[in-house]
Protein backbone atom coordinates (compact mmCIF):
# COMPACT_ATOMS: atom_id res chain seq x y z
CA MET A 1 0.02 -0.02 -0.07
CA ALA A 2 1.50 3.47 -1.05
CA SER A 3 2.19 5.96 1.84
CA ARG A 4 -0.38 8.43 2.34
CA ILE A 5 0.61 11.80 1.27
CA LYS A 6 1.47 14.54 3.69
CA MET A 7 1.36 18.27 3.40
CA SER A 8 5.63 18.31 3.71
CA ASP A 9 5.58 16.04 0.71
CA ILE A 10 3.72 18.82 -1.20
CA ALA A 11 5.86 21.33 0.22
CA LYS A 12 8.80 19.44 -1.11
CA GLU A 13 8.06 19.20 -4.76
CA LEU A 14 7.00 22.88 -4.75
CA GLY A 15 10.01 24.25 -2.94
CA VAL A 16 7.93 26.13 -0.09
CA SER A 17 7.26 25.35 3.66
CA THR A 18 4.87 22.93 5.10
CA VAL A 19 3.28 26.26 6.60
CA THR A 20 2.47 27.82 3.38
CA VAL A 21 1.34 24.39 1.99
CA SER A 22 -1.24 24.39 5.19
CA LYS A 23 -2.40 28.09 4.89
CA ALA A 24 -3.04 27.60 1.11
CA LEU A 25 -4.84 24.22 1.65
CA THR A 26 -7.18 25.70 4.47
CA ASP A 27 -7.52 29.10 2.98
CA LYS A 28 -6.04 31.46 5.17
CA ASP A 29 -4.32 34.22 4.83
CA GLY A 30 -0.46 34.69 3.88
CA VAL A 31 -0.65 33.00 0.50
CA GLY A 32 -0.81 34.84 -2.78
CA ALA A 33 -3.57 33.64 -5.28
CA GLU A 34 -1.60 31.85 -7.82
CA LEU A 35 0.65 30.30 -5.06
CA ARG A 36 -2.39 28.93 -3.82
CA LYS A 37 -3.92 27.66 -6.88
CA GLN A 38 -0.56 25.71 -7.71
CA ILE A 39 -0.25 24.23 -4.15
CA LYS A 40 -4.01 22.93 -4.49
CA GLN A 41 -3.37 21.53 -8.04
CA LYS A 42 -0.14 19.47 -7.03
CA ALA A 43 -2.01 18.45 -4.00
CA GLU A 44 -4.73 16.84 -6.21
CA GLU A 45 -2.40 15.57 -8.66
CA MET A 46 -0.33 13.84 -5.44
CA GLY A 47 -3.53 12.46 -4.29
CA TYR A 48 -3.60 14.47 -0.83
CA VAL A 49 -6.46 13.69 1.20
CA TYR A 50 -7.59 16.40 3.35
CA ASN A 51 -8.50 15.37 7.09
CA SER A 52 -11.24 17.52 8.39
CA LEU A 53 -10.48 16.53 12.06
CA PRO A 54 -9.11 19.48 14.38
CA ARG A 55 -5.16 19.67 13.66
CA ASN A 56 -4.55 19.35 17.33
CA MET A 57 -6.19 15.66 17.49
CA LEU A 58 -4.50 15.01 14.41
CA GLU A 59 -0.80 15.79 15.35
CA GLY A 60 -1.40 16.18 19.32
CA ARG A 61 -0.53 19.63 19.55
CA ASN A 62 -2.49 22.94 20.65
CA TYR A 63 -0.70 25.39 18.53
CA ASN A 64 -0.37 27.55 21.37
CA ILE A 65 3.02 28.89 22.77
CA GLY A 66 2.92 30.16 26.70
CA ILE A 67 4.97 32.97 27.05
CA LEU A 68 6.30 33.36 31.08
CA ILE A 69 7.41 36.96 32.35
CA GLY A 70 8.30 37.68 35.92
CA ALA A 71 6.25 40.52 37.73
CA LYS A 72 8.92 42.11 39.02
CA TYR A 73 10.28 43.01 35.68
CA LEU A 74 6.97 44.33 34.39
CA GLY A 75 6.66 47.13 37.50
CA GLU A 76 10.48 47.82 36.53
CA SER A 77 10.01 49.25 32.73
CA SER A 78 8.16 48.71 29.54
CA PHE A 79 10.96 46.80 28.11
CA TYR A 80 9.28 43.45 28.57
CA TRP A 81 5.78 44.45 27.31
CA ILE A 82 7.37 45.68 24.13
CA PHE A 83 9.27 42.62 23.91
CA TYR A 84 6.01 40.49 24.34
CA GLN A 85 4.40 42.43 21.51
CA HIS A 86 7.35 41.57 19.27
CA LEU A 87 7.09 37.87 19.81
CA LEU A 88 3.38 38.27 19.20
CA ASP A 89 4.21 39.45 16.11
CA THR A 90 6.56 36.79 15.22
CA LEU A 91 4.27 34.24 15.90
CA LYS A 92 1.52 35.87 13.86
CA LEU A 93 3.92 34.70 10.83
CA THR A 94 3.76 30.92 12.17
CA ARG A 95 0.60 28.58 13.14
CA TYR A 96 1.19 29.15 16.38
CA ALA A 97 -0.58 31.74 19.14
CA GLY A 98 0.55 33.43 22.29
CA ILE A 99 -0.66 32.95 25.65
CA LEU A 100 0.61 35.07 28.54
CA GLU A 101 0.97 34.19 32.02
CA ILE A 102 2.63 36.62 34.54
CA VAL A 103 4.86 35.12 37.44
CA SER A 104 4.26 36.78 40.50
CA ASN A 105 6.73 37.02 43.18
CA ALA A 106 5.07 34.86 45.40
CA ASP A 107 4.42 32.26 42.60
CA GLU A 108 8.05 32.37 41.83
CA ALA A 109 9.06 31.84 45.14
CA ASP A 110 6.78 28.80 45.94
CA CYS A 111 7.60 27.38 42.16
CA VAL A 112 3.79 27.52 41.42
CA VAL A 113 3.04 25.81 38.06
CA PRO A 114 1.49 28.11 35.64
CA ALA A 115 -2.08 27.56 34.61
CA PHE A 116 -1.30 26.78 31.26
CA VAL A 117 0.87 23.91 31.97
CA THR A 118 -1.33 22.23 34.55
CA THR A 119 -4.03 22.26 31.73
CA ASN A 120 -1.89 21.34 29.12
CA LYS A 121 -2.65 24.50 26.89
CA VAL A 122 0.40 24.96 25.83
CA ASP A 123 2.88 23.18 23.31
CA GLY A 124 6.08 24.68 24.28
CA ILE A 125 7.24 28.02 26.61
CA ILE A 126 8.96 31.09 25.94
CA LEU A 127 10.78 32.28 29.50
CA LEU A 128 11.15 36.08 29.00
CA GLY A 129 13.39 37.36 31.90
CA GLN A 130 15.22 35.24 34.44
CA LEU A 131 13.55 33.72 37.00
CA ASN A 132 15.05 31.79 40.17
CA ASP A 133 16.92 28.40 39.73
CA ALA A 134 14.50 26.37 41.38
CA TYR A 135 11.68 27.94 39.14
CA LEU A 136 13.46 27.08 35.89
CA THR A 137 14.28 23.59 37.24
CA MET A 138 10.33 23.16 38.09
CA ILE A 139 9.16 24.63 34.89
CA THR A 140 11.75 22.75 32.29
CA THR A 141 10.91 19.53 34.24
CA LYS A 142 7.10 20.06 33.34
CA ASN A 143 7.73 21.15 29.85
CA PRO A 144 11.38 20.48 28.59
CA ARG A 145 10.17 22.42 25.33
CA CYS A 146 11.04 25.64 26.62
CA ILE A 147 13.35 28.76 25.77
CA PHE A 148 15.26 31.23 27.86
CA LEU A 149 14.92 34.61 26.36
CA ASP A 150 17.21 37.55 27.75
CA PHE A 151 19.07 35.58 29.78
CA TYR A 152 20.98 32.01 29.94
CA SER A 153 21.02 29.26 32.01
CA ASP A 154 22.38 25.52 32.08
CA ILE A 155 19.26 24.41 34.05
CA GLY A 156 17.00 22.29 31.73
CA LYS A 157 19.88 22.36 28.69
CA ARG A 158 17.78 24.69 26.72
CA ASP A 159 18.45 27.03 23.78
CA CYS A 160 19.01 30.37 25.49
CA ILE A 161 18.89 33.69 23.29
CA ALA A 162 20.30 36.68 24.91
CA SER A 163 21.57 40.17 23.59
CA ASN A 164 25.29 40.61 23.71
CA ASN A 165 25.40 42.31 26.53
CA PHE A 166 29.46 41.82 27.28
CA LEU A 167 30.17 43.57 23.99
CA GLY A 168 27.55 46.24 24.66
CA SER A 169 28.68 47.36 27.77
CA TYR A 170 32.51 46.88 26.67
CA ASN A 171 31.43 49.49 23.76
CA ILE A 172 29.31 51.73 26.09
CA THR A 173 32.35 51.86 28.36
CA LYS A 174 34.73 52.72 25.57
CA LEU A 175 32.80 55.69 24.46
CA LEU A 176 33.41 57.11 27.93
CA ILE A 177 36.95 56.22 28.24
CA THR A 178 37.65 57.98 24.87
CA ALA A 179 35.66 60.97 26.12
CA GLY A 180 38.72 61.19 28.89
CA HIS A 181 36.68 59.66 31.77
CA THR A 182 39.11 57.46 33.94
CA LYS A 183 36.87 57.45 37.35
CA ILE A 184 33.94 55.26 36.09
CA ALA A 185 31.63 53.21 38.08
CA PHE A 186 28.97 50.77 36.96
CA ILE A 187 25.53 50.51 38.50
CA GLY A 188 23.66 47.05 38.74
CA SER A 189 23.60 44.39 40.98
CA THR A 190 25.86 41.56 39.39
CA SER A 191 24.01 38.90 40.89
CA ALA A 192 20.56 39.40 40.15
CA THR A 193 20.67 38.38 36.39
CA THR A 194 22.99 36.98 33.90
CA SER A 195 22.49 40.10 31.62
CA ILE A 196 23.67 42.49 34.33
CA LEU A 197 26.71 40.37 35.37
CA ASP A 198 27.63 40.23 31.60
CA ARG A 199 27.04 44.02 31.35
CA TYR A 200 29.50 44.34 34.43
CA MET A 201 31.97 42.10 32.80
CA GLY A 202 32.16 44.08 29.48
CA PHE A 203 32.66 47.30 31.72
CA CYS A 204 35.75 45.40 33.23
CA LYS A 205 37.03 44.38 30.12
CA ALA A 206 37.17 48.08 28.77
CA MET A 207 38.56 49.26 32.13
CA LEU A 208 41.31 46.79 32.18
CA GLU A 209 42.21 47.35 28.80
CA SER A 210 42.94 50.86 29.53
CA ASN A 211 44.46 50.19 32.98
CA LEU A 212 41.58 51.72 34.91
CA SER A 213 40.12 50.42 38.08
CA TYR A 214 37.39 48.46 37.37
CA ASP A 215 36.09 47.09 40.86
CA ASN A 216 33.55 49.64 40.90
CA ALA A 217 30.25 48.13 40.96
CA ILE A 218 27.09 49.75 42.95
CA PRO A 219 24.07 47.70 43.50
CA ASP A 220 20.88 48.73 42.71
CA ARG A 221 18.61 46.25 44.42
CA ASP A 222 18.39 44.21 47.67
CA GLY A 223 18.86 40.44 47.73
CA ASN A 224 15.18 39.69 46.89
CA GLY A 225 15.26 42.03 43.48
CA GLY A 226 13.71 45.05 45.29
CA LEU A 227 15.12 48.47 43.65
CA TYR A 228 16.70 50.89 46.16
CA GLU A 229 14.97 54.29 46.13
CA GLU A 230 18.58 55.83 46.60
CA ILE A 231 21.59 54.49 45.09
CA ALA A 232 24.74 54.63 47.17
CA LEU A 233 26.80 56.93 44.30
CA ASP A 234 29.89 58.32 46.50
CA GLU A 235 29.35 61.50 44.40
CA GLY A 236 32.75 63.05 43.89
CA ALA A 237 34.24 59.85 43.41
CA TYR A 238 33.66 59.18 39.79
CA THR A 239 33.08 61.26 36.69
CA ALA A 240 30.91 58.78 34.94
CA TYR A 241 28.59 55.73 35.56
CA VAL A 242 27.46 52.79 33.14
CA CYS A 243 23.87 52.05 34.23
CA ASN A 244 22.49 48.50 33.88
CA ASN A 245 19.44 50.36 32.15
CA ASP A 246 17.91 53.40 31.13
CA ARG A 247 15.08 53.37 33.98
CA LEU A 248 18.12 53.29 36.42
CA ALA A 249 19.95 55.84 34.44
CA GLY A 250 16.56 58.31 35.04
CA ARG A 251 16.69 57.49 38.68
CA ILE A 252 20.40 58.56 38.89
CA ILE A 253 19.88 61.53 36.79
CA ARG A 254 16.99 62.83 38.92
CA GLN A 255 19.08 61.68 42.41
CA LEU A 256 22.18 63.96 41.19
CA ALA A 257 19.88 67.00 39.95
CA ARG A 258 18.71 67.16 43.46
CA ARG A 259 22.10 67.60 44.71
CA GLY A 260 22.54 70.40 41.85
CA ILE A 261 24.82 67.53 39.88
CA GLN A 262 23.98 68.08 35.79
CA VAL A 263 24.24 65.62 33.34
CA PRO A 264 26.46 65.87 31.14
CA ARG A 265 27.79 68.95 32.51
CA ASP A 266 29.14 67.25 35.99
CA VAL A 267 28.70 63.49 35.23
CA SER A 268 28.56 61.38 31.95
CA ILE A 269 26.06 58.53 31.52
CA GLY A 270 25.89 55.51 29.56
CA SER A 271 23.31 53.02 29.85
CA PHE A 272 20.88 50.00 28.03
CA ASP A 273 17.36 49.53 26.05
CA ASN A 274 17.51 53.06 24.14
CA GLU A 275 14.33 54.24 25.79
CA SER A 276 13.13 57.87 25.46
CA SER A 277 14.07 60.93 27.41
CA ALA A 278 10.95 60.77 29.27
CA VAL A 279 12.14 57.64 30.84
CA THR A 280 15.67 59.23 31.73
CA GLY A 281 14.85 62.30 33.47
CA GLY A 282 14.47 64.78 30.15
CA ILE A 283 18.41 63.76 29.25
CA GLY A 284 19.17 61.95 26.02
CA VAL A 285 21.18 58.94 27.56
CA THR A 286 23.54 57.01 25.26
CA SER A 287 22.17 53.68 25.07
CA LEU A 288 22.78 50.20 23.53
CA GLU A 289 19.35 49.17 21.82
CA VAL A 290 18.79 45.56 22.18
CA ASN A 291 17.73 44.06 18.81
CA ILE A 292 14.57 42.64 20.06
CA THR A 293 13.22 41.50 16.77
CA ALA A 294 16.10 39.28 16.01
CA MET A 295 16.16 37.84 19.52
CA GLY A 296 12.39 37.13 19.29
CA GLU A 297 12.53 35.49 15.75
CA SER A 298 15.43 33.42 17.14
CA ALA A 299 13.28 32.03 20.24
CA VAL A 300 10.23 31.23 17.93
CA GLN A 301 12.57 29.41 15.50
CA SER A 302 14.22 27.56 18.18
CA LEU A 303 11.22 26.48 20.33
CA ILE A 304 8.92 25.51 17.10
CA GLN A 305 12.13 23.00 16.31
CA TYR A 306 11.87 21.60 19.76
CA ILE A 307 8.39 20.99 19.33
CA GLU A 308 7.74 19.49 15.75
CA ASN A 309 11.48 18.10 15.32
CA PRO A 310 12.37 15.46 18.15
CA GLU A 311 15.59 14.84 16.88
CA TYR A 312 16.26 18.93 17.43
CA GLN A 313 19.39 18.82 19.44
CA GLY A 314 19.46 22.69 20.31
CA ARG A 315 21.80 25.52 19.42
CA GLY A 316 23.02 26.28 22.95
CA ARG A 317 23.61 30.12 23.71
CA ILE A 318 22.63 32.54 21.08
CA PHE A 319 23.98 36.22 21.44
CA ILE A 320 22.67 39.05 19.35
CA ASP A 321 24.41 42.25 18.92
CA GLY A 322 22.75 45.36 19.46
CA THR A 323 23.40 48.97 18.32
CA ILE A 324 24.43 52.12 20.32
CA ALA A 325 22.14 55.13 20.39
CA VAL A 326 24.67 58.22 20.88
CA LYS A 327 22.43 60.90 22.39
CA GLN A 328 23.95 63.75 24.75
CA SER A 329 24.77 62.05 28.13
CA ILE A 330 28.28 61.61 27.30
CA ALA A 331 30.84 64.86 27.48
CA PRO A 332 34.56 65.06 28.77
CA PRO A 333 35.16 65.16 32.28
CA ALA A 334 34.39 69.06 33.60
CA THR A 335 37.86 69.06 35.38
CA LEU A 336 39.47 68.73 32.02
């Protein structure tokens, strides 16, 4: 008996993707009229038999992807909301839909299983933003088809897609050094996330290369991740700061302004995320813009491979370069 013709067979014959064949045969958007006609003709020629049962029953999938974000990140900035929207835009180009769940601080601490996992609503999960190790262990055990996005970890041995924070911070710090600064501090709690630690390490490399003191990391949060209201800046000791993100940079700018210290007249600042001056105290801060689009596309691509290809071995850690948006926050030291 001849084997049953599959959509992938039609796709191979025409040199298109299986997703394109599926959209054409089910009359969904995203396929041109002429190509749709060719696909249907080829399906008929090959003897393809369309099965009207729901696809999830046929293939054992829900065609939903879960997106988990820690509540602690959403209150800190709009960055992850923007990231989430980009993920939804990317998923629109696939057969999958996105379902969001926000992980409260309590649920993270208690390792509460997300509802979309307990109800088997998702085929895979994108964890956007780093959660504690116990939570990562729990979620990768409950559903091993996971991707870590904007951080990395060896837990679960999953693909991890992150910005090249090391290189970005190195380049930001070099801009400050080139402007003449030798007394520079990094602001960010290095134990909080892999992103912050990598940014600090990039800062250290740039400082070391210029024979400058690099052991200048000022924490911005407590051991539970709660942000400090005031940062211990040790004003007068430094002429420039590399801030972990633009929200923090804005807080630093306002804190300094209350003491009559102006950016960039008295102090220079470099940062990350390239948010608007409304976030950064009315000052345009030179900042690294993370390539959210490329990171989201890479995460979705990897996760679909995990879901659809049992033999997929993963790509490991993928670091994606960002670009520096040069603004007004860096000037030569006031003492020069």
